[in-house]
Amino acid sequence: MNERSKHGSYWIGTRVLILSVLTTFFVCLVSALIFLSAMDKYELIGFPLGYLILSNGLIILAVGLVFWFVDRQHRLDHKHRMIEDI
């Protein structure tokens, strides 16, 4: 495998990874917005459920996706031997 195709497959893997993370986040965001009025009928700790999911749930999801992305990117770096020394 030459150097050019090695870097090409690495960047394709990175793009697929970031697109999967962004797609997951935006699907969850749109789903939460679509079902917001239905979820606001229920309360949890005195707050409407839709509010709690949009304010706290999406932040937790975003942080979780960042950690998942970092782990998968680290594996991809090792697979293609693109390891950075810190």
Protein backbone atom coordinates (compact mmCIF):
# COMPACT_ATOMS: atom_id res chain seq x y z
CA MET A 1 0.00 0.00 0.00
CA ASN A 2 1.53 3.29 -0.99
CA GLU A 3 1.58 6.36 1.22
CA ARG A 4 -1.19 8.18 -0.68
CA SER A 5 -3.76 5.38 -0.41
CA LYS A 6 -2.84 4.89 3.26
CA HIS A 7 -3.67 8.50 4.05
CA GLY A 8 -6.77 8.37 1.85
CA SER A 9 -8.29 5.45 3.74
CA TYR A 10 -7.44 7.15 7.04
CA TRP A 11 -9.24 10.35 6.08
CA ILE A 12 -12.23 8.43 4.70
CA GLY A 13 -12.50 6.61 8.02
CA THR A 14 -12.26 9.91 9.91
CA ARG A 15 -14.97 11.50 7.76
CA VAL A 16 -17.29 8.52 8.20
CA LEU A 17 -16.71 8.68 11.95
CA ILE A 18 -17.47 12.39 12.29
CA LEU A 19 -20.51 12.12 10.02
CA SER A 20 -21.89 9.27 12.12
CA VAL A 21 -21.45 11.33 15.30
CA LEU A 22 -23.09 14.42 13.80
CA THR A 23 -25.93 12.39 12.29
CA THR A 24 -26.63 10.69 15.62
CA PHE A 25 -26.73 14.02 17.44
CA PHE A 26 -28.98 15.74 14.91
CA VAL A 27 -31.39 12.79 14.70
CA CYS A 28 -31.74 12.86 18.48
CA LEU A 29 -32.16 16.64 18.45
CA VAL A 30 -34.87 16.59 15.78
CA SER A 31 -36.63 13.66 17.47
CA ALA A 32 -36.66 15.53 20.78
CA LEU A 33 -38.06 18.63 19.08
CA ILE A 34 -40.76 16.64 17.27
CA PHE A 35 -41.94 14.92 20.45
CA LEU A 36 -41.45 17.97 22.70
CA SER A 37 -45.12 18.80 23.14
CA ALA A 38 -46.02 15.18 23.86
CA MET A 39 -43.23 14.89 26.46
CA ASP A 40 -44.19 18.16 28.17
CA LYS A 41 -47.38 16.50 29.45
CA TYR A 42 -45.26 14.53 31.94
CA GLU A 43 -43.20 16.00 34.74
CA LEU A 44 -40.02 14.83 36.41
CA ILE A 45 -38.76 16.62 39.54
CA GLY A 46 -41.33 19.35 38.89
CA PHE A 47 -40.10 20.17 35.38
CA PRO A 48 -41.66 19.22 32.05
CA LEU A 49 -39.98 16.12 30.61
CA GLY A 50 -39.40 17.76 27.21
CA TYR A 51 -37.52 20.62 28.85
CA LEU A 52 -35.33 18.25 30.83
CA ILE A 53 -34.48 16.16 27.78
CA LEU A 54 -33.61 19.17 25.65
CA SER A 55 -31.65 21.01 28.32
CA ASN A 56 -29.85 18.17 30.06
CA GLY A 57 -30.25 15.05 27.95
CA LEU A 58 -28.79 16.51 24.78
CA ILE A 59 -25.81 17.91 26.67
CA ILE A 60 -25.14 14.49 28.20
CA LEU A 61 -25.55 12.91 24.76
CA ALA A 62 -23.11 15.40 23.23
CA VAL A 63 -20.48 14.73 25.90
CA GLY A 64 -20.96 10.99 25.50
CA LEU A 65 -20.58 11.26 21.73
CA VAL A 66 -17.37 13.26 22.16
CA PHE A 67 -15.87 10.54 24.36
CA TRP A 68 -17.03 7.84 21.92
CA PHE A 69 -15.54 9.79 19.01
CA VAL A 70 -12.19 10.19 20.77
CA ASP A 71 -12.04 6.45 21.51
CA ARG A 72 -12.90 5.46 17.93
CA GLN A 73 -10.49 8.04 16.48
CA HIS A 74 -7.73 6.68 18.72
CA ARG A 75 -8.42 3.17 17.40
CA LEU A 76 -8.40 4.48 13.84
CA ASP A 77 -5.08 6.25 14.48
CA HIS A 78 -3.52 3.02 15.74
CA LYS A 79 -4.94 1.01 12.86
CA HIS A 80 -3.35 3.34 10.29
CA ARG A 81 -0.24 4.03 12.38
CA MET A 82 -0.97 7.75 12.61
CA ILE A 83 -0.19 7.94 16.31
CA GLU A 84 0.79 11.34 17.71
CA ASP A 85 3.22 11.58 20.59
CA ILE A 86 2.06 14.02 23.23
